[in-house]
Amino acid sequence: MAANMVGLAYIAAAQDRRADALATLDEAHSIAHSHGAHAIVRQIEQARTEI
């Protein structure tokens, strides 16, 4: 689920909805972190720097 949210964040950013993109990444980070999905957390961090 959190991995899909990274994709949604990129879509939101491409639509000039940066605030929505960052909010999506915040939620994805919370989910990934709580499940110990370290690789997804790294993807989220990378997406945040790109957005």
Protein backbone atom coordinates (compact mmCIF):
# COMPACT_ATOMS: atom_id res chain seq x y z
CA MET A 1 0.00 0.00 0.00
CA ALA A 2 2.69 2.50 0.95
CA ALA A 3 4.58 1.75 -2.27
CA ASN A 4 1.47 2.61 -4.28
CA MET A 5 1.20 5.85 -2.37
CA VAL A 6 4.65 6.86 -3.59
CA GLY A 7 3.34 6.61 -7.14
CA LEU A 8 0.29 8.66 -6.23
CA ALA A 9 2.55 11.31 -4.73
CA TYR A 10 4.51 11.56 -7.99
CA ILE A 11 1.24 11.94 -9.90
CA ALA A 12 0.05 14.68 -7.55
CA ALA A 13 3.38 16.48 -7.92
CA ALA A 14 3.14 16.26 -11.72
CA GLN A 15 -0.28 17.91 -11.44
CA ASP A 16 1.25 20.80 -9.45
CA ARG A 17 -0.35 19.55 -6.23
CA ARG A 18 2.83 19.54 -4.15
CA ALA A 19 1.05 19.85 -0.80
CA ASP A 20 -1.08 16.79 -1.60
CA ALA A 21 2.01 14.91 -2.73
CA LEU A 22 3.86 15.63 0.50
CA ALA A 23 0.82 14.74 2.60
CA THR A 24 0.59 11.41 0.76
CA LEU A 25 4.27 10.76 1.42
CA ASP A 26 3.79 11.58 5.11
CA GLU A 27 1.00 9.00 5.35
CA ALA A 28 2.99 6.45 3.35
CA HIS A 29 5.98 6.97 5.64
CA SER A 30 3.87 6.36 8.71
CA ILE A 31 2.48 3.12 7.26
CA ALA A 32 5.84 1.85 5.99
CA HIS A 33 7.65 2.73 9.21
CA SER A 34 5.06 1.03 11.40
CA HIS A 35 5.40 -2.15 9.33
CA GLY A 36 9.19 -2.10 9.26
CA ALA A 37 9.28 -1.69 5.47
CA HIS A 38 12.71 -0.08 5.34
CA ALA A 39 13.09 -0.25 1.55
CA ILE A 40 9.81 1.58 1.10
CA VAL A 41 10.85 4.19 3.67
CA ARG A 42 13.95 4.84 1.56
CA GLN A 43 11.78 5.20 -1.57
CA ILE A 44 9.58 7.67 0.26
CA GLU A 45 12.59 9.70 1.37
CA GLN A 46 13.90 9.75 -2.20
CA ALA A 47 10.52 10.84 -3.54
CA ARG A 48 10.34 13.61 -0.96
CA THR A 49 13.69 15.04 -2.14
CA GLU A 50 12.58 14.84 -5.79
CA ILE A 51 9.23 16.47 -5.15
